[in-house]
């Protein structure tokens, strides 16, 4: 039995520079809950360590 192999490259952008408002609002709520969880489990110092340095 042979299995067909697909090869190639595709470009699948999630959006074109702006997230849709419904997605942005959901991600804000999710980020807030993740931040609260990290603070409650590890403290505010760990939260600051996990934030990316810009």
PDB file of N, CA and C in Angstrom:
ATOM      1  N   UNK A   1       0.846  -1.174   0.000  1.00  0.00           N
ATOM      2  CA  UNK A   1       0.000   0.000   0.000  1.00  0.00           C
ATOM      3  C   UNK A   1       0.894   1.240   0.000  1.00  0.00           C
ATOM      4  N   UNK A   2       0.613   2.184  -0.869  1.00  0.00           N
ATOM      5  CA  UNK A   2       1.375   3.415  -0.930  1.00  0.00           C
ATOM      6  C   UNK A   2       0.518   4.570  -0.412  1.00  0.00           C
ATOM      7  N   UNK A   3       1.201   5.522   0.192  1.00  0.00           N
ATOM      8  CA  UNK A   3       0.531   6.707   0.729  1.00  0.00           C
ATOM      9  C   UNK A   3       0.964   7.909  -0.100  1.00  0.00           C
ATOM     10  N   UNK A   4       0.008   8.663  -0.584  1.00  0.00           N
ATOM     11  CA  UNK A   4       0.326   9.856  -1.356  1.00  0.00           C
ATOM     12  C   UNK A   4       0.924  10.909  -0.439  1.00  0.00           C
ATOM     13  N   UNK A   5       1.991  11.518  -0.869  1.00  0.00           N
ATOM     14  CA  UNK A   5       2.655  12.567  -0.091  1.00  0.00           C
ATOM     15  C   UNK A   5       2.442  13.895  -0.782  1.00  0.00           C
ATOM     16  N   UNK A   6       1.937  14.833  -0.034  1.00  0.00           N
ATOM     17  CA  UNK A   6       1.748  16.181  -0.567  1.00  0.00           C
ATOM     18  C   UNK A   6       2.921  17.042  -0.144  1.00  0.00           C
ATOM     19  N   UNK A   7       3.475  17.744  -1.074  1.00  0.00           N
ATOM     20  CA  UNK A   7       4.572  18.650  -0.753  1.00  0.00           C
ATOM     21  C   UNK A   7       4.290  20.015  -1.358  1.00  0.00           C
ATOM     22  N   UNK A   8       4.897  21.020  -0.794  1.00  0.00           N
ATOM     23  CA  UNK A   8       4.727  22.365  -1.320  1.00  0.00           C
ATOM     24  C   UNK A   8       4.693  23.386  -0.202  1.00  0.00           C
ATOM     25  N   UNK A   9       4.558  24.606  -0.581  1.00  0.00           N
ATOM     26  CA  UNK A   9       4.537  25.723   0.356  1.00  0.00           C
ATOM     27  C   UNK A   9       3.280  26.527   0.113  1.00  0.00           C
ATOM     28  N   UNK A  10       2.664  26.967   1.177  1.00  0.00           N
ATOM     29  CA  UNK A  10       1.494  27.829   1.043  1.00  0.00           C
ATOM     30  C   UNK A  10       1.608  28.981   2.025  1.00  0.00           C
ATOM     31  N   UNK A  11       0.977  30.055   1.718  1.00  0.00           N
ATOM     32  CA  UNK A  11       0.970  31.233   2.582  1.00  0.00           C
ATOM     33  C   UNK A  11      -0.463  31.438   3.064  1.00  0.00           C
ATOM     34  N   UNK A  12      -0.683  31.251   4.372  1.00  0.00           N
ATOM     35  CA  UNK A  12      -2.018  31.371   4.931  1.00  0.00           C
ATOM     36  C   UNK A  12      -2.028  32.428   6.032  1.00  0.00           C
ATOM     37  N   UNK A  13      -2.142  33.691   5.673  1.00  0.00           N
ATOM     38  CA  UNK A  13      -2.151  34.718   6.711  1.00  0.00           C
ATOM     39  C   UNK A  13      -3.421  34.631   7.542  1.00  0.00           C
ATOM     40  N   UNK A  14      -3.292  34.916   8.839  1.00  0.00           N
ATOM     41  CA  UNK A  14      -4.459  34.906   9.704  1.00  0.00           C
ATOM     42  C   UNK A  14      -5.336  36.119   9.440  1.00  0.00           C
ATOM     43  N   UNK A  15      -4.696  37.214   9.117  1.00  0.00           N
ATOM     44  CA  UNK A  15      -5.436  38.428   8.787  1.00  0.00           C
ATOM     45  C   UNK A  15      -4.481  39.355   8.040  1.00  0.00           C
ATOM     46  N   UNK A  16      -4.966  40.473   7.601  1.00  0.00           N
ATOM     47  CA  UNK A  16      -4.151  41.377   6.785  1.00  0.00           C
ATOM     48  C   UNK A  16      -3.773  42.638   7.546  1.00  0.00           C
ATOM     49  N   UNK A  17      -3.093  42.470   8.662  1.00  0.00           N
ATOM     50  CA  UNK A  17      -2.600  43.604   9.421  1.00  0.00           C
ATOM     51  C   UNK A  17      -3.491  44.026  10.574  1.00  0.00           C
ATOM     52  N   UNK A  18      -4.733  43.628  10.581  1.00  0.00           N
ATOM     53  CA  UNK A  18      -5.645  43.970  11.664  1.00  0.00           C
ATOM     54  C   UNK A  18      -6.487  42.749  12.000  1.00  0.00           C
ATOM     55  N   UNK A  19      -6.591  42.500  13.301  1.00  0.00           N
ATOM     56  CA  UNK A  19      -7.469  41.415  13.725  1.00  0.00           C
ATOM     57  C   UNK A  19      -8.910  41.911  13.693  1.00  0.00           C
ATOM     58  N   UNK A  20      -9.848  41.054  13.368  1.00  0.00           N
ATOM     59  CA  UNK A  20     -11.251  41.464  13.412  1.00  0.00           C
ATOM     60  C   UNK A  20     -11.642  41.854  14.841  1.00  0.00           C
ATOM     61  N   UNK A  21     -12.540  42.811  14.990  1.00  0.00           N
ATOM     62  CA  UNK A  21     -12.915  43.272  16.337  1.00  0.00           C
ATOM     63  C   UNK A  21     -13.373  42.156  17.272  1.00  0.00           C
ATOM     64  N   UNK A  22     -14.137  41.197  16.766  1.00  0.00           N
ATOM     65  CA  UNK A  22     -14.614  40.114  17.634  1.00  0.00           C
ATOM     66  C   UNK A  22     -13.453  39.286  18.166  1.00  0.00           C
ATOM     67  N   UNK A  23     -12.418  39.054  17.334  1.00  0.00           N
ATOM     68  CA  UNK A  23     -11.260  38.274  17.760  1.00  0.00           C
ATOM     69  C   UNK A  23     -10.407  39.071  18.735  1.00  0.00           C
ATOM     70  N   UNK A  24     -10.219  40.349  18.449  1.00  0.00           N
ATOM     71  CA  UNK A  24      -9.433  41.203  19.337  1.00  0.00           C
ATOM     72  C   UNK A  24     -10.052  41.232  20.733  1.00  0.00           C
ATOM     73  N   UNK A  25     -11.360  41.392  20.807  1.00  0.00           N
ATOM     74  CA  UNK A  25     -12.037  41.442  22.107  1.00  0.00           C
ATOM     75  C   UNK A  25     -11.897  40.127  22.870  1.00  0.00           C
ATOM     76  N   UNK A  26     -11.985  39.015  22.169  1.00  0.00           N
ATOM     77  CA  UNK A  26     -11.816  37.719  22.830  1.00  0.00           C
ATOM     78  C   UNK A  26     -10.396  37.548  23.337  1.00  0.00           C
ATOM     79  N   UNK A  27      -9.413  37.986  22.562  1.00  0.00           N
ATOM     80  CA  UNK A  27      -8.018  37.833  22.961  1.00  0.00           C
ATOM     81  C   UNK A  27      -7.669  38.728  24.148  1.00  0.00           C
ATOM     82  N   UNK A  28      -8.285  39.904  24.234  1.00  0.00           N
ATOM     83  CA  UNK A  28      -8.073  40.778  25.389  1.00  0.00           C
ATOM     84  C   UNK A  28      -8.572  40.092  26.656  1.00  0.00           C
ATOM     85  N   UNK A  29      -9.762  39.500  26.580  1.00  0.00           N
ATOM     86  CA  UNK A  29     -10.320  38.792  27.733  1.00  0.00           C
ATOM     87  C   UNK A  29      -9.449  37.601  28.122  1.00  0.00           C
ATOM     88  N   UNK A  30      -8.962  36.865  27.122  1.00  0.00           N
ATOM     89  CA  UNK A  30      -8.104  35.713  27.389  1.00  0.00           C
ATOM     90  C   UNK A  30      -6.787  36.143  28.025  1.00  0.00           C
ATOM     91  N   UNK A  31      -6.180  37.198  27.513  1.00  0.00           N
ATOM     92  CA  UNK A  31      -4.920  37.691  28.064  1.00  0.00           C
ATOM     93  C   UNK A  31      -5.089  38.121  29.518  1.00  0.00           C
ATOM     94  N   UNK A  32      -6.218  38.731  29.822  1.00  0.00           N
ATOM     95  CA  UNK A  32      -6.483  39.143  31.201  1.00  0.00           C
ATOM     96  C   UNK A  32      -6.552  37.937  32.125  1.00  0.00           C
ATOM     97  N   UNK A  33      -7.248  36.895  31.713  1.00  0.00           N
ATOM     98  CA  UNK A  33      -7.382  35.702  32.546  1.00  0.00           C
ATOM     99  C   UNK A  33      -6.047  34.968  32.709  1.00  0.00           C
ATOM    100  N   UNK A  34      -5.252  34.931  31.660  1.00  0.00           N
ATOM    101  CA  UNK A  34      -3.927  34.302  31.752  1.00  0.00           C
ATOM    102  C   UNK A  34      -3.053  35.077  32.719  1.00  0.00           C
ATOM    103  N   UNK A  35      -3.090  36.400  32.643  1.00  0.00           N
ATOM    104  CA  UNK A  35      -2.301  37.236  33.544  1.00  0.00           C
ATOM    105  C   UNK A  35      -2.723  37.031  34.994  1.00  0.00           C
ATOM    106  N   UNK A  36      -4.022  36.983  35.239  1.00  0.00           N
ATOM    107  CA  UNK A  36      -4.520  36.753  36.598  1.00  0.00           C
ATOM    108  C   UNK A  36      -4.051  35.394  37.119  1.00  0.00           C
ATOM    109  N   UNK A  37      -4.083  34.373  36.274  1.00  0.00           N
ATOM    110  CA  UNK A  37      -3.654  33.039  36.686  1.00  0.00           C
ATOM    111  C   UNK A  37      -2.166  33.009  37.030  1.00  0.00           C
ATOM    112  N   UNK A  38      -1.341  33.645  36.216  1.00  0.00           N
ATOM    113  CA  UNK A  38       0.098  33.666  36.487  1.00  0.00           C
ATOM    114  C   UNK A  38       0.385  34.417  37.777  1.00  0.00           C
ATOM    115  N   UNK A  39      -0.283  35.549  37.982  1.00  0.00           N
ATOM    116  CA  UNK A  39      -0.069  36.319  39.206  1.00  0.00           C
ATOM    117  C   UNK A  39      -0.492  35.512  40.428  1.00  0.00           C
ATOM    118  N   UNK A  40      -1.635  34.838  40.362  1.00  0.00           N
ATOM    119  CA  UNK A  40      -2.102  34.088  41.527  1.00  0.00           C
ATOM    120  C   UNK A  40      -1.232  32.865  41.809  1.00  0.00           C
ATOM    121  N   UNK A  41      -0.672  32.242  40.779  1.00  0.00           N
ATOM    122  CA  UNK A  41       0.154  31.045  40.979  1.00  0.00           C
ATOM    123  C   UNK A  41       1.612  31.367  41.292  1.00  0.00           C
ATOM    124  N   UNK A  42       2.169  32.394  40.644  1.00  0.00           N
ATOM    125  CA  UNK A  42       3.606  32.636  40.741  1.00  0.00           C
ATOM    126  C   UNK A  42       3.996  34.005  41.271  1.00  0.00           C
ATOM    127  N   UNK A  43       3.069  34.935  41.328  1.00  0.00           N
ATOM    128  CA  UNK A  43       3.367  36.270  41.829  1.00  0.00           C
ATOM    129  C   UNK A  43       3.636  37.265  40.714  1.00  0.00           C
ATOM    130  N   UNK A  44       3.587  38.557  41.072  1.00  0.00           N
ATOM    131  CA  UNK A  44       3.768  39.596  40.054  1.00  0.00           C
ATOM    132  C   UNK A  44       5.170  39.626  39.449  1.00  0.00           C
ATOM    133  N   UNK A  45       6.183  39.220  40.205  1.00  0.00           N
ATOM    134  CA  UNK A  45       7.546  39.230  39.662  1.00  0.00           C
ATOM    135  C   UNK A  45       7.674  38.269  38.486  1.00  0.00           C
ATOM    136  N   UNK A  46       7.088  37.088  38.639  1.00  0.00           N
ATOM    137  CA  UNK A  46       7.133  36.101  37.557  1.00  0.00           C
ATOM    138  C   UNK A  46       6.360  36.588  36.338  1.00  0.00           C
ATOM    139  N   UNK A  47       5.274  37.296  36.575  1.00  0.00           N
ATOM    140  CA  UNK A  47       4.497  37.846  35.463  1.00  0.00           C
ATOM    141  C   UNK A  47       5.363  38.788  34.644  1.00  0.00           C
ATOM    142  N   UNK A  48       6.103  39.646  35.317  1.00  0.00           N
ATOM    143  CA  UNK A  48       6.976  40.583  34.608  1.00  0.00           C
ATOM    144  C   UNK A  48       8.099  39.859  33.872  1.00  0.00           C
ATOM    145  N   UNK A  49       8.600  38.759  34.446  1.00  0.00           N
ATOM    146  CA  UNK A  49       9.651  37.981  33.781  1.00  0.00           C
ATOM    147  C   UNK A  49       9.137  37.359  32.488  1.00  0.00           C
ATOM    148  N   UNK A  50       7.869  36.968  32.466  1.00  0.00           N
ATOM    149  CA  UNK A  50       7.314  36.281  31.305  1.00  0.00           C
ATOM    150  C   UNK A  50       6.895  37.214  30.179  1.00  0.00           C
ATOM    151  N   UNK A  51       6.806  38.489  30.451  1.00  0.00           N
ATOM    152  CA  UNK A  51       6.437  39.455  29.395  1.00  0.00           C
ATOM    153  C   UNK A  51       7.622  39.640  28.457  1.00  0.00           C
ATOM    154  N   UNK A  52       7.376  39.730  27.161  1.00  0.00           N
ATOM    155  CA  UNK A  52       8.492  39.931  26.230  1.00  0.00           C
ATOM    156  C   UNK A  52       9.101  41.318  26.399  1.00  0.00           C
ATOM    157  N   UNK A  53      10.394  41.364  26.242  1.00  0.00           N
ATOM    158  CA  UNK A  53      11.095  42.659  26.315  1.00  0.00           C
ATOM    159  C   UNK A  53      11.088  43.279  24.936  1.00  0.00           C
ATOM    160  N   UNK A  54      10.521  44.455  24.838  1.00  0.00           N
ATOM    161  CA  UNK A  54      10.442  45.130  23.541  1.00  0.00           C
ATOM    162  C   UNK A  54      11.533  46.140  23.369  1.00  0.00           C
TER     163      UNK A  54
END
